[in-house]
Amino acid sequence: MGAAYFYHLTRRPLQETLPVLLQKARGAGWRIAVRGQDVGRMTWLDETLWQGRADSFLAHGLSGGAHDALQPILLTTSQASPNQPDCLMTVDGAPITPEEVQALQRVCILFDGTDEGAVQQARLQWKSLTGAGCSAQYWSEESGRWEMKAEA
């Protein structure tokens, strides 16, 4: 059974934090799905990852291609996961179910701490997932480094 890790982004934006988490997940040998809610935003993330640091290449694909099932990292807006991920990372309030948390090694929920709507959505997701019996951790970078602030 997996766990949901909530990442409250306050110091570094998504485009800086996501590649770090993706590298760690790939380092664990996991296949990853990155789920968002807007195709335009996922296209932007795709381009951002391809233009990332030269020393941290992240092979990935944007869903809808002929090789979705082969992608080590698949960016998508769908709840379907053709790449059979071990880890799911959600952005921009994308939905996540307790069943997904329990079936995967890890679920990472990244949310923008400067957006009150995103914070409220993350709180609702925390209550929903922990209420369904999922393990969860809340991580904050408020101090300048990531620290676990709560666990359920």
N, C-alpha and C. Protein backbone atom coordinates (compact mmCIF):
# COMPACT_ATOMS: atom_id res chain seq x y z
N MET A 1 0.84 -1.17 0.00
CA MET A 1 0.00 0.00 0.00
C MET A 1 0.89 1.24 0.00
N GLY A 2 0.54 2.20 -0.82
CA GLY A 2 1.32 3.41 -0.98
C GLY A 2 0.93 4.50 0.01
N ALA A 3 1.45 5.67 -0.26
CA ALA A 3 1.16 6.83 0.57
C ALA A 3 1.07 8.06 -0.32
N ALA A 4 0.36 9.06 0.16
CA ALA A 4 0.24 10.33 -0.53
C ALA A 4 1.15 11.34 0.16
N TYR A 5 2.01 11.97 -0.61
CA TYR A 5 2.91 13.01 -0.11
C TYR A 5 2.45 14.33 -0.70
N PHE A 6 2.10 15.26 0.16
CA PHE A 6 1.65 16.58 -0.25
C PHE A 6 2.83 17.54 -0.19
N TYR A 7 3.12 18.21 -1.30
CA TYR A 7 4.23 19.15 -1.38
C TYR A 7 3.68 20.56 -1.56
N HIS A 8 3.83 21.37 -0.50
CA HIS A 8 3.34 22.75 -0.44
C HIS A 8 4.44 23.66 -0.99
N LEU A 9 4.30 24.08 -2.24
CA LEU A 9 5.32 24.87 -2.91
C LEU A 9 5.19 26.34 -2.52
N THR A 10 6.20 26.86 -1.83
CA THR A 10 6.17 28.26 -1.43
C THR A 10 7.44 29.01 -1.85
N ARG A 11 8.52 28.31 -2.04
CA ARG A 11 9.79 28.97 -2.37
C ARG A 11 10.22 28.75 -3.81
N ARG A 12 9.97 27.56 -4.30
CA ARG A 12 10.35 27.24 -5.68
C ARG A 12 9.11 26.85 -6.46
N PRO A 13 9.01 27.29 -7.71
CA PRO A 13 7.82 26.99 -8.50
C PRO A 13 7.81 25.54 -8.99
N LEU A 14 6.69 25.15 -9.51
CA LEU A 14 6.49 23.80 -10.03
C LEU A 14 7.60 23.38 -10.99
N GLN A 15 7.96 24.26 -11.92
CA GLN A 15 8.95 23.90 -12.94
C GLN A 15 10.34 23.63 -12.37
N GLU A 16 10.59 24.05 -11.13
CA GLU A 16 11.86 23.73 -10.47
C GLU A 16 11.72 22.51 -9.56
N THR A 17 10.58 22.37 -8.91
CA THR A 17 10.37 21.28 -7.95
C THR A 17 10.07 19.95 -8.64
N LEU A 18 9.23 19.98 -9.66
CA LEU A 18 8.85 18.74 -10.33
C LEU A 18 10.04 17.94 -10.86
N PRO A 19 11.00 18.56 -11.56
CA PRO A 19 12.14 17.76 -12.05
C PRO A 19 12.93 17.08 -10.92
N VAL A 20 13.06 17.74 -9.78
CA VAL A 20 13.78 17.14 -8.65
C VAL A 20 13.05 15.89 -8.17
N LEU A 21 11.73 15.99 -8.02
CA LEU A 21 10.95 14.83 -7.56
C LEU A 21 10.95 13.73 -8.61
N LEU A 22 10.88 14.09 -9.88
CA LEU A 22 10.93 13.09 -10.95
C LEU A 22 12.26 12.35 -10.95
N GLN A 23 13.36 13.07 -10.74
CA GLN A 23 14.69 12.43 -10.67
C GLN A 23 14.74 11.43 -9.52
N LYS A 24 14.21 11.83 -8.37
CA LYS A 24 14.22 10.92 -7.21
C LYS A 24 13.38 9.67 -7.48
N ALA A 25 12.22 9.85 -8.08
CA ALA A 25 11.35 8.71 -8.38
C ALA A 25 12.00 7.79 -9.41
N ARG A 26 12.62 8.36 -10.42
CA ARG A 26 13.32 7.55 -11.42
C ARG A 26 14.50 6.83 -10.77
N GLY A 27 15.17 7.52 -9.84
CA GLY A 27 16.28 6.90 -9.11
C GLY A 27 15.85 5.69 -8.31
N ALA A 28 14.58 5.67 -7.91
CA ALA A 28 14.03 4.51 -7.19
C ALA A 28 13.60 3.41 -8.17
N GLY A 29 13.74 3.70 -9.47
CA GLY A 29 13.36 2.72 -10.49
C GLY A 29 11.89 2.77 -10.87
N TRP A 30 11.20 3.80 -10.45
CA TRP A 30 9.77 3.90 -10.70
C TRP A 30 9.45 4.50 -12.06
N ARG A 31 8.34 4.05 -12.62
CA ARG A 31 7.71 4.70 -13.77
C ARG A 31 6.71 5.70 -13.18
N ILE A 32 6.54 6.83 -13.84
CA ILE A 32 5.75 7.91 -13.25
C ILE A 32 4.73 8.44 -14.24
N ALA A 33 3.54 8.75 -13.74
CA ALA A 33 2.56 9.52 -14.49
C ALA A 33 2.45 10.87 -13.79
N VAL A 34 2.46 11.94 -14.57
CA VAL A 34 2.25 13.28 -14.05
C VAL A 34 0.88 13.72 -14.57
N ARG A 35 -0.05 13.89 -13.66
CA ARG A 35 -1.43 14.21 -14.04
C ARG A 35 -1.76 15.67 -13.73
N GLY A 36 -2.26 16.35 -14.74
CA GLY A 36 -2.75 17.71 -14.58
C GLY A 36 -4.19 17.78 -15.08
N GLN A 37 -4.72 18.98 -15.15
CA GLN A 37 -6.11 19.14 -15.57
C GLN A 37 -6.26 19.87 -16.91
N ASP A 38 -5.18 20.48 -17.38
CA ASP A 38 -5.26 21.31 -18.57
C ASP A 38 -4.20 20.87 -19.59
N VAL A 39 -4.64 20.57 -20.81
CA VAL A 39 -3.72 20.10 -21.85
C VAL A 39 -2.64 21.14 -22.13
N GLY A 40 -3.01 22.41 -22.16
CA GLY A 40 -2.04 23.47 -22.40
C GLY A 40 -0.97 23.52 -21.33
N ARG A 41 -1.37 23.35 -20.10
CA ARG A 41 -0.42 23.35 -18.99
C ARG A 41 0.51 22.14 -19.07
N MET A 42 -0.02 20.99 -19.46
CA MET A 42 0.82 19.79 -19.58
C MET A 42 1.79 19.94 -20.76
N THR A 43 1.36 20.58 -21.82
CA THR A 43 2.26 20.85 -22.95
C THR A 43 3.39 21.77 -22.50
N TRP A 44 3.05 22.78 -21.70
CA TRP A 44 4.07 23.68 -21.15
C TRP A 44 5.06 22.90 -20.27
N LEU A 45 4.56 22.00 -19.42
CA LEU A 45 5.46 21.19 -18.58
C LEU A 45 6.35 20.30 -19.44
N ASP A 46 5.78 19.73 -20.49
CA ASP A 46 6.55 18.90 -21.42
C ASP A 46 7.72 19.70 -21.98
N GLU A 47 7.45 20.88 -22.49
CA GLU A 47 8.50 21.74 -23.06
C GLU A 47 9.51 22.15 -21.99
N THR A 48 9.02 22.46 -20.80
CA THR A 48 9.90 22.87 -19.71
C THR A 48 10.85 21.74 -19.33
N LEU A 49 10.35 20.51 -19.26
CA LEU A 49 11.20 19.37 -18.91
C LEU A 49 12.24 19.11 -20.00
N TRP A 50 11.87 19.27 -21.27
CA TRP A 50 12.84 19.06 -22.35
C TRP A 50 13.92 20.12 -22.33
N GLN A 51 13.61 21.31 -21.85
CA GLN A 51 14.59 22.40 -21.81
C GLN A 51 15.29 22.49 -20.47
N GLY A 52 15.17 21.46 -19.65
CA GLY A 52 15.75 21.47 -18.31
C GLY A 52 17.27 21.49 -18.31
N ARG A 53 17.82 21.36 -17.15
CA ARG A 53 19.27 21.37 -16.98
C ARG A 53 19.92 20.27 -17.81
N ALA A 54 21.07 20.57 -18.37
CA ALA A 54 21.78 19.61 -19.22
C ALA A 54 22.23 18.37 -18.45
N ASP A 55 22.45 18.51 -17.14
CA ASP A 55 22.94 17.39 -16.34
C ASP A 55 21.81 16.54 -15.74
N SER A 56 20.57 16.82 -16.12
CA SER A 56 19.46 16.06 -15.53
C SER A 56 18.39 15.71 -16.57
N PHE A 57 18.79 14.99 -17.59
CA PHE A 57 17.88 14.60 -18.66
C PHE A 57 16.76 13.71 -18.11
N LEU A 58 15.52 14.06 -18.41
CA LEU A 58 14.36 13.27 -17.98
C LEU A 58 13.58 12.81 -19.20
N ALA A 59 13.82 11.57 -19.61
CA ALA A 59 13.07 11.02 -20.74
C ALA A 59 11.60 10.95 -20.35
N HIS A 60 10.76 11.49 -21.21
CA HIS A 60 9.33 11.53 -20.90
C HIS A 60 8.54 11.74 -22.19
N GLY A 61 7.23 11.64 -22.07
CA GLY A 61 6.35 11.89 -23.20
C GLY A 61 5.06 12.54 -22.75
N LEU A 62 4.43 13.19 -23.69
CA LEU A 62 3.12 13.81 -23.48
C LEU A 62 2.08 12.83 -23.99
N SER A 63 1.07 12.54 -23.20
CA SER A 63 0.09 11.51 -23.58
C SER A 63 -0.56 11.84 -24.92
N GLY A 64 -0.95 10.77 -25.59
CA GLY A 64 -1.57 10.91 -26.89
C GLY A 64 -0.67 10.43 -28.01
N GLY A 65 0.53 10.01 -27.67
CA GLY A 65 1.47 9.52 -28.68
C GLY A 65 1.37 8.01 -28.86
N ALA A 66 2.05 7.55 -29.87
CA ALA A 66 2.02 6.12 -30.20
C ALA A 66 2.74 5.25 -29.16
N HIS A 67 3.60 5.88 -28.36
CA HIS A 67 4.42 5.10 -27.42
C HIS A 67 4.14 5.42 -25.96
N ASP A 68 2.93 5.82 -25.65
CA ASP A 68 2.58 6.17 -24.27
C ASP A 68 2.93 5.07 -23.28
N ALA A 69 2.67 3.82 -23.64
CA ALA A 69 2.90 2.70 -22.72
C ALA A 69 4.38 2.50 -22.41
N LEU A 70 5.26 3.01 -23.26
CA LEU A 70 6.70 2.83 -23.08
C LEU A 70 7.37 3.95 -22.31
N GLN A 71 6.64 5.02 -22.05
CA GLN A 71 7.25 6.20 -21.43
C GLN A 71 7.59 5.96 -19.95
N PRO A 72 8.83 6.27 -19.54
CA PRO A 72 9.16 6.16 -18.11
C PRO A 72 8.44 7.24 -17.30
N ILE A 73 8.18 8.40 -17.95
CA ILE A 73 7.42 9.49 -17.36
C ILE A 73 6.39 9.92 -18.41
N LEU A 74 5.12 9.88 -18.04
CA LEU A 74 4.06 10.26 -18.98
C LEU A 74 3.27 11.42 -18.39
N LEU A 75 3.20 12.51 -19.11
CA LEU A 75 2.41 13.67 -18.70
C LEU A 75 1.03 13.53 -19.32
N THR A 76 -0.01 13.67 -18.50
CA THR A 76 -1.35 13.39 -18.97
C THR A 76 -2.40 14.20 -18.22
N THR A 77 -3.58 14.27 -18.80
CA THR A 77 -4.73 14.85 -18.10
C THR A 77 -5.75 13.76 -17.80
N SER A 78 -5.44 12.55 -18.16
CA SER A 78 -6.36 11.43 -18.01
C SER A 78 -6.09 10.65 -16.74
N GLN A 79 -7.14 10.00 -16.23
CA GLN A 79 -6.92 9.11 -15.09
C GLN A 79 -6.42 7.74 -15.55
N ALA A 80 -6.49 7.48 -16.84
CA ALA A 80 -5.91 6.25 -17.39
C ALA A 80 -4.39 6.40 -17.39
N SER A 81 -3.68 5.32 -17.10
CA SER A 81 -2.22 5.37 -17.02
C SER A 81 -1.61 4.28 -17.89
N PRO A 82 -1.49 4.52 -19.19
CA PRO A 82 -0.98 3.48 -20.08
C PRO A 82 0.46 3.08 -19.82
N ASN A 83 1.24 3.90 -19.12
CA ASN A 83 2.63 3.54 -18.83
C ASN A 83 2.78 2.72 -17.55
N GLN A 84 1.67 2.32 -16.94
CA GLN A 84 1.69 1.48 -15.74
C GLN A 84 2.63 2.04 -14.66
N PRO A 85 2.32 3.24 -14.16
CA PRO A 85 3.25 3.89 -13.22
C PRO A 85 3.27 3.24 -11.84
N ASP A 86 4.41 3.42 -11.19
CA ASP A 86 4.56 3.05 -9.78
C ASP A 86 4.24 4.26 -8.92
N CYS A 87 4.40 5.45 -9.52
CA CYS A 87 4.24 6.71 -8.82
C CYS A 87 3.39 7.64 -9.68
N LEU A 88 2.48 8.33 -9.03
CA LEU A 88 1.65 9.34 -9.69
C LEU A 88 1.94 10.68 -9.04
N MET A 89 2.23 11.69 -9.86
CA MET A 89 2.41 13.05 -9.37
C MET A 89 1.28 13.89 -9.95
N THR A 90 0.54 14.57 -9.08
CA THR A 90 -0.54 15.42 -9.56
C THR A 90 -0.17 16.89 -9.38
N VAL A 91 -0.63 17.69 -10.33
CA VAL A 91 -0.39 19.13 -10.29
C VAL A 91 -1.70 19.85 -10.56
N ASP A 92 -1.78 21.08 -10.13
CA ASP A 92 -2.92 21.94 -10.43
C ASP A 92 -4.26 21.36 -9.96
N GLY A 93 -4.25 20.64 -8.85
CA GLY A 93 -5.48 20.12 -8.28
C GLY A 93 -6.08 18.94 -9.02
N ALA A 94 -5.28 18.25 -9.82
CA ALA A 94 -5.79 17.08 -10.55
C ALA A 94 -6.35 16.05 -9.56
N PRO A 95 -7.42 15.37 -9.95
CA PRO A 95 -8.05 14.42 -9.03
C PRO A 95 -7.19 13.19 -8.75
N ILE A 96 -7.39 12.65 -7.56
CA ILE A 96 -6.71 11.43 -7.12
C ILE A 96 -7.68 10.67 -6.23
N THR A 97 -7.73 9.37 -6.39
CA THR A 97 -8.65 8.56 -5.58
C THR A 97 -7.88 7.77 -4.52
N PRO A 98 -8.56 7.41 -3.44
CA PRO A 98 -7.92 6.56 -2.43
C PRO A 98 -7.44 5.24 -3.03
N GLU A 99 -8.19 4.71 -3.99
CA GLU A 99 -7.80 3.44 -4.62
C GLU A 99 -6.47 3.57 -5.35
N GLU A 100 -6.25 4.73 -5.98
CA GLU A 100 -4.97 4.95 -6.66
C GLU A 100 -3.83 5.02 -5.64
N VAL A 101 -4.04 5.73 -4.55
CA VAL A 101 -3.01 5.83 -3.52
C VAL A 101 -2.65 4.44 -3.01
N GLN A 102 -3.65 3.63 -2.77
CA GLN A 102 -3.39 2.30 -2.22
C GLN A 102 -2.75 1.35 -3.23
N ALA A 103 -2.96 1.58 -4.52
CA ALA A 103 -2.43 0.69 -5.55
C ALA A 103 -1.01 1.05 -5.97
N LEU A 104 -0.59 2.29 -5.75
CA LEU A 104 0.71 2.75 -6.22
C LEU A 104 1.74 2.78 -5.09
N GLN A 105 3.01 2.83 -5.47
CA GLN A 105 4.06 2.97 -4.47
C GLN A 105 3.98 4.32 -3.77
N ARG A 106 3.71 5.37 -4.57
CA ARG A 106 3.66 6.72 -4.03
C ARG A 106 2.80 7.60 -4.90
N VAL A 107 2.12 8.53 -4.26
CA VAL A 107 1.41 9.60 -4.95
C VAL A 107 1.96 10.91 -4.39
N CYS A 108 2.35 11.82 -5.28
CA CYS A 108 2.86 13.13 -4.88
C CYS A 108 1.87 14.18 -5.37
N ILE A 109 1.39 14.98 -4.47
CA ILE A 109 0.44 16.04 -4.79
C ILE A 109 1.16 17.36 -4.60
N LEU A 110 1.46 18.04 -5.71
CA LEU A 110 2.19 19.30 -5.68
C LEU A 110 1.19 20.43 -5.81
N PHE A 111 1.26 21.40 -4.90
CA PHE A 111 0.32 22.52 -4.98
C PHE A 111 1.01 23.83 -4.64
N ASP A 112 0.55 24.87 -5.29
CA ASP A 112 1.11 26.21 -5.19
C ASP A 112 0.63 26.89 -3.91
N GLY A 113 1.55 27.11 -2.99
CA GLY A 113 1.21 27.71 -1.71
C GLY A 113 0.84 29.17 -1.79
N THR A 114 1.08 29.81 -2.93
CA THR A 114 0.70 31.22 -3.09
C THR A 114 -0.70 31.37 -3.68
N ASP A 115 -1.33 30.26 -4.00
CA ASP A 115 -2.67 30.26 -4.59
C ASP A 115 -3.65 29.68 -3.57
N GLU A 116 -4.49 30.54 -2.98
CA GLU A 116 -5.40 30.09 -1.91
C GLU A 116 -6.34 28.98 -2.41
N GLY A 117 -6.77 29.05 -3.64
CA GLY A 117 -7.62 28.00 -4.19
C GLY A 117 -6.90 26.66 -4.24
N ALA A 118 -5.62 26.67 -4.61
CA ALA A 118 -4.83 25.44 -4.65
C ALA A 118 -4.63 24.88 -3.25
N VAL A 119 -4.42 25.76 -2.28
CA VAL A 119 -4.25 25.32 -0.88
C VAL A 119 -5.55 24.68 -0.38
N GLN A 120 -6.67 25.30 -0.67
CA GLN A 120 -7.98 24.74 -0.26
C GLN A 120 -8.22 23.38 -0.91
N GLN A 121 -7.89 23.25 -2.20
CA GLN A 121 -8.06 21.98 -2.90
C GLN A 121 -7.19 20.90 -2.26
N ALA A 122 -5.96 21.24 -1.91
CA ALA A 122 -5.06 20.28 -1.27
C ALA A 122 -5.61 19.85 0.10
N ARG A 123 -6.20 20.77 0.83
CA ARG A 123 -6.80 20.43 2.13
C ARG A 123 -7.95 19.45 1.94
N LEU A 124 -8.77 19.69 0.92
CA LEU A 124 -9.87 18.77 0.64
C LEU A 124 -9.35 17.40 0.25
N GLN A 125 -8.29 17.36 -0.56
CA GLN A 125 -7.71 16.07 -0.95
C GLN A 125 -7.12 15.36 0.26
N TRP A 126 -6.46 16.10 1.15
CA TRP A 126 -5.90 15.50 2.38
C TRP A 126 -7.02 14.84 3.18
N LYS A 127 -8.10 15.59 3.41
CA LYS A 127 -9.23 15.06 4.20
C LYS A 127 -9.86 13.85 3.53
N SER A 128 -10.02 13.90 2.23
CA SER A 128 -10.63 12.80 1.49
C SER A 128 -9.76 11.55 1.57
N LEU A 129 -8.47 11.71 1.33
CA LEU A 129 -7.58 10.54 1.29
C LEU A 129 -7.34 9.97 2.68
N THR A 130 -7.06 10.81 3.67
CA THR A 130 -6.83 10.29 5.02
C THR A 130 -8.13 9.74 5.61
N GLY A 131 -9.26 10.35 5.26
CA GLY A 131 -10.56 9.85 5.71
C GLY A 131 -10.86 8.47 5.16
N ALA A 132 -10.26 8.14 4.01
CA ALA A 132 -10.45 6.82 3.40
C ALA A 132 -9.39 5.83 3.87
N GLY A 133 -8.55 6.26 4.82
CA GLY A 133 -7.57 5.35 5.40
C GLY A 133 -6.21 5.36 4.73
N CYS A 134 -5.96 6.29 3.82
CA CYS A 134 -4.66 6.37 3.14
C CYS A 134 -3.63 7.02 4.06
N SER A 135 -2.41 6.52 3.98
CA SER A 135 -1.29 7.17 4.67
C SER A 135 -0.97 8.44 3.91
N ALA A 136 -0.61 9.50 4.64
CA ALA A 136 -0.30 10.76 4.00
C ALA A 136 0.76 11.51 4.80
N GLN A 137 1.55 12.28 4.07
CA GLN A 137 2.54 13.16 4.68
C GLN A 137 2.41 14.53 4.04
N TYR A 138 2.58 15.56 4.85
CA TYR A 138 2.55 16.94 4.38
C TYR A 138 3.96 17.51 4.49
N TRP A 139 4.52 17.96 3.36
CA TRP A 139 5.87 18.50 3.30
C TRP A 139 5.82 19.98 2.94
N SER A 140 6.61 20.77 3.65
CA SER A 140 6.67 22.21 3.43
C SER A 140 8.12 22.63 3.21
N GLU A 141 8.32 23.61 2.33
CA GLU A 141 9.65 24.16 2.10
C GLU A 141 9.77 25.55 2.71
N GLU A 142 8.87 25.86 3.62
CA GLU A 142 8.79 27.18 4.24
C GLU A 142 10.12 27.64 4.85
N SER A 143 10.86 26.71 5.44
CA SER A 143 12.12 27.05 6.11
C SER A 143 13.29 27.18 5.14
N GLY A 144 13.07 26.85 3.88
CA GLY A 144 14.15 26.88 2.90
C GLY A 144 14.59 25.50 2.48
N ARG A 145 14.16 24.50 3.20
CA ARG A 145 14.42 23.10 2.81
C ARG A 145 13.16 22.30 3.12
N TRP A 146 13.01 21.18 2.47
CA TRP A 146 11.80 20.38 2.65
C TRP A 146 11.79 19.73 4.02
N GLU A 147 10.69 19.91 4.74
CA GLU A 147 10.50 19.29 6.05
C GLU A 147 9.10 18.70 6.13
N MET A 148 9.01 17.51 6.73
CA MET A 148 7.70 16.92 6.94
C MET A 148 7.07 17.63 8.14
N LYS A 149 5.86 18.15 7.93
CA LYS A 149 5.17 18.91 8.98
C LYS A 149 4.00 18.14 9.59
N ALA A 150 3.48 17.16 8.87
CA ALA A 150 2.35 16.39 9.40
C ALA A 150 2.33 15.01 8.74
N GLU A 151 1.76 14.06 9.48
CA GLU A 151 1.65 12.70 8.96
C GLU A 151 0.36 12.09 9.49
N ALA A 152 -0.32 11.37 8.63
CA ALA A 152 -1.54 10.69 9.03
C ALA A 152 -1.55 9.27 8.50
